[in-house]
Amino acid sequence: MPHKLTGATRIHLIVGDPIAQTKSPEGLTRVFAERGVDAVCVPMQVAVADIDAFMMVAKRARNVDGIVATVPHKFAALRHCDALSERARMLGAVNAMRREPDGSWSGDMTDGVALVAALHAAGFEPRARRALVVGAGGAGSAVVLALADAGAEVAVHDIDVARREALRARLASRTIAVGSADPAGFDLVANATPLGMAAGDPLPVAVDRLGAGAIAADLVTKPAVTPFLDAARRRGAPIITGVDMFEAQAGILADFLLAAAG
């Protein structure tokens, strides 16, 4: 049954560009309803050039309690937070913001812990396993940190070498190796780039080099089974889809967004 909107309904926004692929509006609204909270999540497509102006206006709307940031706004969202979680501060990015009772805004970065939760749900234990993360953007950075903190031996690959090295410098307290598009020897390969969202995108790694028994994960949610995951599955690899990750993410996001109200 659709959520009954009233003037008392609390609003949580998700901002991105593009935005049509995100599962958050339906998923978060469902979780709010399951928890008996009169709130909805509403998608907003905002260009990079407009994100700062948008954030300043959105934060002034008194019935907006939370903002979820997706591609490409996770780094920009950080500068609109008054307080940060330790991992958000370390990564320099946030994907979730909430209004505190005093009107200030707190930020967290949950993409990485959501993927680890999805891996655990699939029976994969990252500890002491070799993991390759492709993409050193906001989501990729969070995945690298979460996997390292879960005990995995992590390597990161990004065609933007400066961005990859900036991430390794931010995570200097962790041992993060330099990876490549060759997934041979890794137990887990995670695509944290937008590759696979558009028809004709190249694969993020050389799938024919994927080892037997390796697990393939993709943060892209639309299509659910990306060309990378399809190719990996045809090689016999277990897969974790972006939808699987969001199912884990929805509860984690709701925990954060509703904490101030609790």
Protein backbone atom coordinates (compact mmCIF):
# COMPACT_ATOMS: atom_id res chain seq x y z
CA MET A 1 0.00 0.00 0.00
CA PRO A 2 1.41 3.45 -0.93
CA HIS A 3 2.52 5.62 1.96
CA LYS A 4 -0.16 8.09 3.02
CA LEU A 5 1.41 11.54 2.75
CA THR A 6 0.31 14.27 5.12
CA GLY A 7 1.68 17.60 6.23
CA ALA A 8 3.33 15.78 9.14
CA THR A 9 5.27 13.33 6.95
CA ARG A 10 9.02 13.70 7.42
CA ILE A 11 11.10 13.95 4.24
CA HIS A 12 14.43 12.32 3.41
CA LEU A 13 15.97 13.24 0.06
CA ILE A 14 18.37 11.29 -2.12
CA VAL A 15 20.45 13.43 -4.47
CA GLY A 16 22.41 12.26 -7.48
CA ASP A 17 23.00 12.76 -11.19
CA PRO A 18 21.74 10.47 -12.66
CA ILE A 19 19.15 9.36 -10.11
CA ALA A 20 16.76 7.00 -11.97
CA GLN A 21 18.88 3.94 -11.09
CA THR A 22 18.72 4.31 -7.31
CA LYS A 23 16.73 1.87 -5.18
CA SER A 24 16.73 4.13 -2.11
CA PRO A 25 13.36 5.92 -2.51
CA GLU A 26 11.31 2.72 -2.49
CA GLY A 27 13.61 0.77 -0.18
CA LEU A 28 14.00 3.41 2.51
CA THR A 29 10.32 4.36 2.41
CA ARG A 30 9.48 0.68 2.94
CA VAL A 31 11.87 0.41 5.90
CA PHE A 32 10.44 3.58 7.46
CA ALA A 33 6.94 2.10 7.18
CA GLU A 34 8.09 -1.21 8.67
CA ARG A 35 9.43 0.72 11.65
CA GLY A 36 6.22 2.71 12.08
CA VAL A 37 7.83 6.01 11.05
CA ASP A 38 5.82 8.57 9.06
CA ALA A 39 8.57 9.38 6.56
CA VAL A 40 9.39 8.99 2.88
CA CYS A 41 12.50 9.11 0.73
CA VAL A 42 12.25 11.32 -2.38
CA PRO A 43 14.71 11.29 -5.32
CA MET A 44 16.22 14.58 -6.53
CA GLN A 45 18.36 14.90 -9.66
CA VAL A 46 20.89 17.66 -9.04
CA ALA A 47 23.80 18.61 -11.29
CA VAL A 48 27.31 19.02 -9.89
CA ALA A 49 27.20 22.77 -10.56
CA ASP A 50 24.05 23.10 -8.45
CA ILE A 51 24.76 20.80 -5.50
CA ASP A 52 25.98 23.45 -3.04
CA ALA A 53 23.02 25.73 -3.68
CA PHE A 54 20.65 22.75 -3.44
CA MET A 55 22.12 21.59 -0.12
CA MET A 56 21.82 25.02 1.44
CA VAL A 57 18.14 25.23 0.49
CA ALA A 58 17.28 21.60 1.40
CA LYS A 59 18.79 21.94 4.86
CA ARG A 60 16.56 24.97 5.53
CA ALA A 61 13.34 23.04 4.84
CA ARG A 62 12.15 22.23 8.34
CA ASN A 63 10.49 18.93 7.41
CA VAL A 64 13.62 17.55 5.73
CA ASP A 65 15.31 15.27 8.27
CA GLY A 66 17.87 13.48 6.10
CA ILE A 67 19.76 13.59 2.82
CA VAL A 68 21.29 10.57 1.10
CA ALA A 69 24.04 11.38 -1.41
CA THR A 70 24.80 9.17 -4.39
CA VAL A 71 27.01 9.56 -7.49
CA PRO A 72 28.61 12.08 -7.93
CA HIS A 73 27.85 14.03 -4.73
CA LYS A 74 29.44 12.02 -1.90
CA PHE A 75 32.50 14.24 -1.63
CA ALA A 76 30.52 17.48 -1.98
CA ALA A 77 28.05 16.40 0.73
CA LEU A 78 30.87 16.27 3.27
CA ARG A 79 31.28 20.04 3.31
CA HIS A 80 27.63 20.47 4.30
CA CYS A 81 28.02 18.47 7.52
CA ASP A 82 28.74 19.97 10.94
CA ALA A 83 29.87 16.64 12.44
CA LEU A 84 31.28 13.48 10.86
CA SER A 85 31.68 9.83 11.78
CA GLU A 86 35.27 8.64 12.04
CA ARG A 87 35.07 6.75 8.74
CA ALA A 88 33.50 9.71 6.91
CA ARG A 89 36.27 11.97 8.19
CA MET A 90 38.92 9.47 7.12
CA LEU A 91 37.40 9.01 3.65
CA GLY A 92 36.51 12.65 3.02
CA ALA A 93 33.05 11.64 1.80
CA VAL A 94 29.55 10.97 3.11
CA ASN A 95 26.54 9.21 1.68
CA ALA A 96 24.08 10.03 4.47
CA MET A 97 23.30 13.21 6.40
CA ARG A 98 20.80 13.69 9.22
CA ARG A 99 19.42 16.72 11.02
CA GLU A 100 20.19 16.66 14.74
CA PRO A 101 17.77 18.01 17.38
CA ASP A 102 19.82 21.22 17.64
CA GLY A 103 19.53 21.81 13.88
CA SER A 104 23.09 20.80 13.01
CA TRP A 105 23.83 18.11 10.42
CA SER A 106 25.82 14.90 10.95
CA GLY A 107 27.30 12.75 8.16
CA ASP A 108 28.32 9.12 7.76
CA MET A 109 29.57 6.85 4.97
CA THR A 110 27.83 3.46 4.92
CA ASP A 111 28.57 2.02 1.46
CA GLY A 112 31.50 -0.08 2.63
CA VAL A 113 29.87 -1.63 5.68
CA ALA A 114 26.79 -2.38 3.55
CA LEU A 115 28.86 -4.41 1.09
CA VAL A 116 30.56 -6.28 3.94
CA ALA A 117 27.11 -7.04 5.39
CA ALA A 118 25.93 -8.34 1.99
CA LEU A 119 29.04 -10.53 1.76
CA HIS A 120 28.40 -11.95 5.23
CA ALA A 121 24.76 -12.63 4.26
CA ALA A 122 26.06 -14.62 1.27
CA GLY A 123 28.37 -16.65 3.52
CA PHE A 124 31.63 -14.93 2.48
CA GLU A 125 34.04 -14.01 5.29
CA PRO A 126 36.48 -11.27 4.14
CA ARG A 127 39.06 -11.89 6.89
CA ALA A 128 42.40 -13.05 5.48
CA ARG A 129 40.99 -13.08 1.92
CA ARG A 130 42.45 -11.13 -0.99
CA ALA A 131 40.13 -8.44 -2.31
CA LEU A 132 40.43 -6.21 -5.39
CA VAL A 133 38.32 -3.04 -5.42
CA VAL A 134 37.96 -1.27 -8.76
CA GLY A 135 37.21 2.42 -8.26
CA ALA A 136 38.59 4.90 -5.74
CA GLY A 137 35.63 7.29 -5.73
CA GLY A 138 33.28 7.83 -2.81
CA ALA A 139 31.76 4.35 -2.75
CA GLY A 140 35.01 2.61 -3.70
CA SER A 141 36.88 4.39 -0.93
CA ALA A 142 34.30 3.23 1.61
CA VAL A 143 34.50 -0.36 0.33
CA VAL A 144 38.30 -0.36 0.55
CA LEU A 145 38.20 0.87 4.16
CA ALA A 146 35.44 -1.51 5.25
CA LEU A 147 37.13 -4.55 3.71
CA ALA A 148 40.45 -3.62 5.29
CA ASP A 149 38.76 -3.20 8.67
CA ALA A 150 37.08 -6.58 8.16
CA GLY A 151 40.53 -8.16 7.89
CA ALA A 152 40.85 -8.54 4.11
CA GLU A 153 44.08 -7.97 2.18
CA VAL A 154 42.91 -5.15 -0.09
CA ALA A 155 44.22 -3.80 -3.40
CA VAL A 156 42.63 -0.86 -5.22
CA HIS A 157 42.63 -0.10 -8.93
CA ASP A 158 41.55 3.13 -10.60
CA ILE A 159 42.44 4.48 -14.04
CA ASP A 160 42.81 7.85 -12.28
CA VAL A 161 46.17 7.16 -10.62
CA ALA A 162 46.11 10.42 -8.66
CA ARG A 163 42.74 9.53 -7.13
CA ARG A 164 43.96 6.03 -6.27
CA GLU A 165 47.07 7.40 -4.57
CA ALA A 166 45.05 10.05 -2.72
CA LEU A 167 42.90 7.25 -1.28
CA ARG A 168 45.94 5.20 -0.26
CA ALA A 169 47.38 8.30 1.42
CA ARG A 170 44.13 8.92 3.33
CA LEU A 171 44.17 5.29 4.46
CA ALA A 172 47.87 5.24 5.30
CA SER A 173 47.07 3.59 8.64
CA ARG A 174 45.85 0.56 6.64
CA THR A 175 47.89 -1.51 4.19
CA ILE A 176 46.27 -0.91 0.79
CA ALA A 177 48.09 -2.35 -2.23
CA VAL A 178 48.05 -1.12 -5.81
CA GLY A 179 45.80 -3.26 -8.00
CA SER A 180 45.20 -3.52 -11.73
CA ALA A 181 42.51 -4.70 -14.13
CA ASP A 182 43.86 -8.24 -13.72
CA PRO A 183 41.76 -10.07 -11.08
CA ALA A 184 43.92 -13.21 -11.01
CA GLY A 185 44.72 -14.38 -7.50
CA PHE A 186 41.91 -12.47 -5.76
CA ASP A 187 39.15 -14.11 -3.73
CA LEU A 188 36.83 -11.12 -4.16
CA VAL A 189 36.57 -8.58 -6.98
CA ALA A 190 34.27 -5.61 -6.37
CA ASN A 191 33.32 -3.08 -9.04
CA ALA A 192 32.77 0.30 -7.39
CA THR A 193 32.71 2.30 -10.63
CA PRO A 194 29.69 3.31 -12.76
CA LEU A 195 30.84 0.87 -15.48
CA GLY A 196 27.89 -1.30 -16.41
CA MET A 197 25.21 1.36 -16.03
CA ALA A 198 25.34 2.31 -19.71
CA ALA A 199 25.12 -0.02 -22.70
CA GLY A 200 28.51 -0.58 -24.26
CA ASP A 201 30.55 0.14 -21.12
CA PRO A 202 33.79 -1.84 -20.97
CA LEU A 203 34.16 -4.43 -18.22
CA PRO A 204 35.98 -3.14 -15.12
CA VAL A 205 38.41 -6.10 -15.09
CA ALA A 206 39.61 -8.87 -17.40
CA VAL A 207 36.96 -11.39 -16.39
CA ASP A 208 38.73 -14.21 -18.21
CA ARG A 209 41.43 -13.88 -15.53
CA LEU A 210 38.95 -14.31 -12.67
CA GLY A 211 40.03 -17.24 -10.53
CA ALA A 212 37.92 -20.31 -9.89
CA GLY A 213 35.85 -19.80 -6.77
CA ALA A 214 36.34 -16.03 -6.65
CA ILE A 215 33.27 -13.98 -5.77
CA ALA A 216 32.26 -11.00 -7.92
CA ALA A 217 30.42 -7.99 -6.48
CA ASP A 218 29.07 -4.88 -8.20
CA LEU A 219 27.72 -1.72 -6.59
CA VAL A 220 25.70 -0.79 -9.71
CA THR A 221 21.99 -1.36 -9.00
CA LYS A 222 20.56 -0.94 -12.52
CA PRO A 223 20.84 -3.30 -14.27
CA ALA A 224 20.82 -5.66 -11.29
CA VAL A 225 23.04 -8.15 -13.11
CA THR A 226 25.64 -6.02 -14.87
CA PRO A 227 27.72 -7.27 -17.82
CA PHE A 228 30.58 -7.79 -15.35
CA LEU A 229 28.45 -9.95 -13.07
CA ASP A 230 26.95 -11.82 -16.01
CA ALA A 231 30.42 -12.62 -17.37
CA ALA A 232 31.63 -13.65 -13.90
CA ARG A 233 28.58 -15.87 -13.34
CA ARG A 234 29.15 -17.59 -16.68
CA ARG A 235 32.61 -18.48 -15.40
CA GLY A 236 31.00 -20.07 -12.36
CA ALA A 237 31.68 -17.24 -9.90
CA PRO A 238 29.15 -16.47 -7.13
CA ILE A 239 27.88 -12.90 -7.49
CA ILE A 240 26.72 -10.10 -5.20
CA THR A 241 24.55 -7.54 -6.99
CA GLY A 242 24.06 -3.88 -6.20
CA VAL A 243 20.50 -4.81 -5.22
CA ASP A 244 21.87 -7.35 -2.72
CA MET A 245 24.06 -4.61 -1.31
CA PHE A 246 21.16 -2.16 -1.09
CA GLU A 247 19.05 -4.69 0.81
CA ALA A 248 21.78 -4.63 3.46
CA GLN A 249 22.26 -0.88 3.07
CA ALA A 250 18.62 0.10 3.59
CA GLY A 251 18.54 -0.94 7.24
CA ILE A 252 21.96 0.59 7.92
CA LEU A 253 20.89 3.88 6.34
CA ALA A 254 17.61 3.90 8.26
CA ASP A 255 19.47 3.28 11.52
CA PHE A 256 21.59 6.36 10.86
CA LEU A 257 18.86 8.62 9.48
CA LEU A 258 16.42 7.88 12.31
CA ALA A 259 18.92 7.98 15.18
CA ALA A 260 18.27 11.64 15.95
CA ALA A 261 14.53 11.00 16.17
CA GLY A 262 15.06 7.98 18.42
